[in-house]
N, C-alpha and C. Protein backbone atom coordinates (compact mmCIF):
# COMPACT_ATOMS: atom_id res chain seq x y z
N MET A 1 146.21 235.00 -42.39
CA MET A 1 145.99 233.68 -42.26
C MET A 1 145.04 233.21 -41.52
N ILE A 2 144.21 232.14 -41.58
CA ILE A 2 143.40 232.05 -40.70
C ILE A 2 143.65 230.56 -41.48
N SER A 3 143.86 229.83 -40.39
CA SER A 3 144.58 227.84 -39.99
C SER A 3 142.77 227.42 -39.37
N TYR A 4 141.84 226.52 -39.90
CA TYR A 4 141.30 225.17 -39.45
C TYR A 4 142.18 224.41 -39.30
N GLU A 5 144.07 224.47 -38.79
CA GLU A 5 144.11 223.71 -38.58
C GLU A 5 143.54 223.03 -36.71
N PRO A 6 143.66 223.73 -36.12
CA PRO A 6 142.99 222.57 -34.31
C PRO A 6 141.62 222.37 -34.72
N LEU A 7 140.78 222.51 -35.84
CA LEU A 7 139.40 222.01 -36.23
C LEU A 7 139.72 220.64 -35.57
N TRP A 8 140.57 220.32 -37.35
CA TRP A 8 140.60 218.82 -36.72
C TRP A 8 140.94 218.28 -35.46
N ALA A 9 142.22 218.34 -34.69
CA ALA A 9 142.67 218.12 -33.56
C ALA A 9 141.18 218.29 -33.07
N THR A 10 139.95 218.58 -32.47
CA THR A 10 139.85 219.77 -31.86
C THR A 10 138.40 217.90 -32.29
N MET A 11 137.77 217.54 -33.41
CA MET A 11 137.20 216.95 -33.56
C MET A 11 137.53 215.38 -33.55
N GLU A 12 139.40 214.88 -33.69
CA GLU A 12 139.64 213.47 -33.41
C GLU A 12 139.54 213.80 -31.74
N LYS A 13 139.52 214.95 -30.93
CA LYS A 13 139.46 214.17 -29.61
C LYS A 13 138.24 214.23 -28.92
N ARG A 14 137.48 214.69 -30.09
CA ARG A 14 136.29 214.24 -29.51
C ARG A 14 135.73 213.45 -30.42
N GLY A 15 136.20 213.08 -30.53
CA GLY A 15 135.47 211.63 -32.10
C GLY A 15 134.43 211.60 -32.58
N ILE A 16 134.58 213.38 -32.84
CA ILE A 16 133.54 213.65 -34.30
C ILE A 16 134.42 213.22 -35.65
N THR A 17 133.33 212.83 -36.52
CA THR A 17 134.31 212.36 -37.69
C THR A 17 132.77 213.94 -38.48
N LYS A 18 134.22 214.00 -39.60
CA LYS A 18 133.14 215.06 -41.12
C LYS A 18 131.96 214.29 -41.19
N TYR A 19 131.47 212.85 -41.43
CA TYR A 19 130.86 212.19 -42.02
C TYR A 19 129.56 213.10 -40.69
N GLN A 20 130.31 212.67 -39.37
CA GLN A 20 129.12 212.94 -38.51
C GLN A 20 128.41 214.81 -38.84
N LEU A 21 129.56 215.36 -38.75
CA LEU A 21 128.75 216.64 -38.82
C LEU A 21 128.56 216.67 -39.73
N ILE A 22 128.80 216.05 -41.71
CA ILE A 22 127.76 215.81 -42.44
C ILE A 22 126.04 215.71 -42.52
N TYR A 23 126.07 215.04 -41.91
CA TYR A 23 125.26 213.05 -42.25
C TYR A 23 123.86 213.56 -40.49
N HIS A 24 124.95 214.04 -39.67
CA HIS A 24 123.99 213.93 -38.33
C HIS A 24 123.79 215.40 -37.48
N TRP A 25 124.78 216.48 -38.25
CA TRP A 25 124.78 217.45 -37.75
C TRP A 25 124.62 219.29 -38.96
N GLY A 26 124.44 218.53 -39.95
CA GLY A 26 123.80 219.61 -40.71
C GLY A 26 124.55 220.55 -41.19
N ILE A 27 126.25 220.13 -41.14
CA ILE A 27 127.56 221.31 -41.75
C ILE A 27 127.46 220.65 -43.03
N SER A 28 127.28 222.14 -43.76
CA SER A 28 127.08 221.23 -45.17
C SER A 28 129.17 220.38 -45.56
N SER A 29 128.84 219.96 -46.47
CA SER A 29 130.14 219.13 -47.42
C SER A 29 131.16 220.77 -47.39
N ASN A 30 131.05 221.66 -48.67
CA ASN A 30 130.78 222.79 -48.94
C ASN A 30 132.23 223.24 -47.47
N THR A 31 130.68 223.51 -46.89
CA THR A 31 131.90 224.37 -45.15
C THR A 31 132.99 223.87 -44.61
N LEU A 32 132.96 222.29 -44.80
CA LEU A 32 134.45 221.77 -44.55
C LEU A 32 135.54 222.01 -45.62
N ARG A 33 134.88 221.56 -47.47
CA ARG A 33 135.72 221.77 -47.30
C ARG A 33 136.94 223.12 -48.33
N ARG A 34 135.55 223.83 -47.67
CA ARG A 34 136.32 225.73 -47.34
C ARG A 34 137.61 225.38 -46.91
N MET A 35 136.96 225.07 -45.35
CA MET A 35 137.87 225.04 -44.19
C MET A 35 138.87 224.27 -44.68
N GLY A 36 139.18 222.60 -45.37
CA GLY A 36 140.14 222.52 -45.75
C GLY A 36 141.12 222.87 -46.60
N HIS A 37 140.44 224.15 -47.03
CA HIS A 37 141.39 224.74 -48.24
C HIS A 37 141.95 226.64 -47.62
N GLY A 38 141.64 226.83 -46.74
CA GLY A 38 141.25 227.48 -45.54
C GLY A 38 140.67 228.99 -45.60
N GLU A 39 139.81 228.53 -46.24
CA GLU A 39 138.82 229.87 -47.41
C GLU A 39 138.01 230.11 -45.98
N PRO A 40 136.79 231.48 -45.76
CA PRO A 40 136.12 231.39 -45.06
C PRO A 40 134.86 231.48 -44.87
N ILE A 41 134.40 231.36 -43.92
CA ILE A 41 133.64 230.67 -43.12
C ILE A 41 133.00 231.79 -42.19
N SER A 42 131.57 231.15 -41.85
CA SER A 42 130.67 232.40 -41.54
C SER A 42 130.63 232.15 -39.84
N SER A 43 130.60 233.80 -39.73
CA SER A 43 130.83 232.65 -38.13
C SER A 43 129.27 232.41 -37.62
N ASN A 44 128.86 232.53 -37.89
CA ASN A 44 127.68 231.22 -37.74
C ASN A 44 127.73 230.14 -37.23
N THR A 45 128.34 229.57 -38.83
CA THR A 45 128.75 227.86 -38.66
C THR A 45 130.35 228.20 -37.81
N LEU A 46 131.00 228.93 -37.82
CA LEU A 46 131.23 228.78 -36.18
C LEU A 46 130.99 228.49 -35.18
N ASN A 47 130.32 229.27 -34.53
CA ASN A 47 128.93 229.46 -33.27
C ASN A 47 128.90 227.52 -33.46
N GLU A 48 127.84 227.13 -34.20
CA GLU A 48 127.18 226.31 -35.08
C GLU A 48 128.82 225.02 -34.31
N LEU A 49 129.87 224.92 -35.04
CA LEU A 49 131.13 224.11 -34.47
C LEU A 49 131.76 223.77 -32.59
N CYS A 50 131.51 225.15 -32.57
CA CYS A 50 131.76 225.58 -31.37
C CYS A 50 131.34 224.46 -30.05
N LEU A 51 129.40 224.91 -30.43
CA LEU A 51 128.70 224.36 -29.58
C LEU A 51 128.31 222.82 -30.22
N ILE A 52 128.84 222.36 -31.44
CA ILE A 52 128.96 220.76 -31.23
C ILE A 52 130.38 220.34 -30.45
N LEU A 53 130.70 221.01 -30.91
CA LEU A 53 132.17 220.23 -30.93
C LEU A 53 132.39 220.89 -28.63
N GLN A 54 131.35 221.68 -28.33
CA GLN A 54 131.62 222.70 -27.09
C GLN A 54 133.01 222.36 -26.74
N CYS A 55 133.51 223.40 -27.19
CA CYS A 55 134.65 224.49 -27.58
C CYS A 55 135.38 225.34 -28.10
N ARG A 56 135.49 226.10 -27.73
CA ARG A 56 135.80 227.69 -27.97
C ARG A 56 136.28 227.73 -29.49
N VAL A 57 136.51 228.73 -30.19
CA VAL A 57 136.36 229.87 -30.97
C VAL A 57 137.95 229.10 -31.63
N GLU A 58 139.02 229.21 -30.77
CA GLU A 58 140.37 228.76 -30.70
C GLU A 58 140.57 227.72 -30.61
N ASP A 59 139.88 226.53 -30.47
CA ASP A 59 140.28 224.83 -30.95
C ASP A 59 139.46 224.81 -32.12
N ILE A 60 139.19 225.17 -33.38
CA ILE A 60 138.91 225.12 -34.01
C ILE A 60 139.07 226.31 -35.56
N LEU A 61 140.20 226.94 -34.70
CA LEU A 61 140.75 228.41 -36.07
C LEU A 61 141.68 228.95 -35.58
N ARG A 62 142.69 229.40 -36.15
CA ARG A 62 143.81 230.20 -35.65
C ARG A 62 144.69 230.91 -35.88
N PHE A 63 144.88 232.56 -35.55
CA PHE A 63 144.92 232.76 -36.45
C PHE A 63 146.48 233.41 -36.76
N THR A 64 147.54 233.89 -37.99
CA THR A 64 148.50 234.20 -38.02
C THR A 64 148.41 235.18 -38.82
N ALA A 65 149.29 236.58 -38.72
CA ALA A 65 149.51 236.81 -40.17
C ALA A 65 151.20 237.47 -40.79
N THR A 66 150.77 236.92 -41.85
CA THR A 66 151.68 236.99 -42.96
C THR A 66 152.74 237.42 -43.22
N GLU A 67 153.80 237.77 -43.96
CA GLU A 67 154.21 238.91 -43.96
C GLU A 67 153.93 239.89 -44.74
N GLU A 68 153.44 238.93 -45.93
CA GLU A 68 152.20 239.85 -46.92
C GLU A 68 151.39 241.02 -46.73
N GLU A 69 150.72 239.87 -45.42
CA GLU A 69 149.54 240.51 -44.98
C GLU A 69 149.64 241.50 -44.10
N LEU A 70 150.97 241.47 -43.10
CA LEU A 70 151.41 242.97 -42.41
C LEU A 70 152.42 243.92 -43.32
N ALA A 71 152.59 243.78 -44.19
CA ALA A 71 153.20 244.95 -45.16
C ALA A 71 152.00 245.61 -45.81
N GLU A 72 150.74 245.03 -45.96
CA GLU A 72 149.86 245.99 -46.43
C GLU A 72 149.40 246.98 -45.24
N VAL A 73 149.47 246.22 -43.78
CA VAL A 73 148.89 247.12 -43.45
C VAL A 73 149.55 247.68 -42.05
N ASN A 74 151.00 247.72 -42.60
CA ASN A 74 151.72 249.36 -42.87
C ASN A 74 151.58 249.80 -43.66
N ARG A 75 152.18 249.35 -44.79
CA ARG A 75 152.30 250.74 -46.06
C ARG A 75 150.06 251.16 -45.68
N ARG A 76 149.19 250.84 -46.09
CA ARG A 76 147.93 251.48 -45.22
C ARG A 76 148.07 252.17 -44.13
N LYS A 77 148.03 252.11 -42.69
CA LYS A 77 148.55 252.71 -41.98
C LYS A 77 149.82 254.22 -42.41
N GLU A 78 150.54 253.64 -43.22
CA GLU A 78 151.54 255.13 -43.43
C GLU A 78 150.30 255.98 -44.09
N GLU A 79 149.87 255.65 -45.07
CA GLU A 79 148.66 256.10 -45.85
C GLU A 79 147.47 256.48 -44.67
N ILE A 80 147.63 256.48 -44.06
CA ILE A 80 146.61 257.42 -43.13
C ILE A 80 146.99 258.16 -42.70
N ILE A 81 148.13 257.88 -41.81
CA ILE A 81 149.24 258.79 -40.88
C ILE A 81 149.69 259.98 -42.29
N ALA A 82 150.03 259.84 -43.10
CA ALA A 82 150.01 260.73 -44.18
C ALA A 82 149.59 261.37 -44.69
N PHE A 83 148.57 260.77 -45.28
CA PHE A 83 147.08 261.90 -45.13
C PHE A 83 146.18 262.25 -43.74
N GLN A 84 145.98 261.63 -42.90
CA GLN A 84 146.09 262.84 -41.76
C GLN A 84 146.50 264.52 -41.68
N ARG A 85 148.65 264.02 -41.69
CA ARG A 85 149.14 265.24 -41.60
C ARG A 85 149.05 265.92 -43.09
N ARG A 86 148.44 265.44 -43.86
CA ARG A 86 147.98 266.80 -44.74
C ARG A 86 146.59 267.25 -44.87
N ARG A 87 145.93 266.67 -43.96
CA ARG A 87 144.83 267.31 -43.61
C ARG A 87 144.78 268.60 -42.69
N ARG A 88 145.52 268.40 -41.57
CA ARG A 88 146.57 269.82 -40.09
C ARG A 88 147.04 270.56 -41.29
N LYS A 89 147.10 270.23 -41.94
CA LYS A 89 148.10 271.23 -42.77
C LYS A 89 147.25 272.25 -43.14
N LYS A 90 146.28 272.33 -44.07
CA LYS A 90 145.24 272.55 -44.53
C LYS A 90 144.27 273.71 -43.36
């Protein structure tokens, strides 16, 4: 799961408000809303935010896998391994 929690701390450190991002830098209010709800944004937007805030991507977002995500990835890995084994037997 991606969290944009680091963004808000970085903005505070830099003294940049949501208002400034929207009206001075052209970041859409919908993008900020999406980030506030943990929804995806484009890599172009990440690039813009890094430039505006003069920071790294890690200062904007954090990735932490949830138990559900890890379980799904493990399930898919097992399916791939099983498929490859069946294929080798043929």
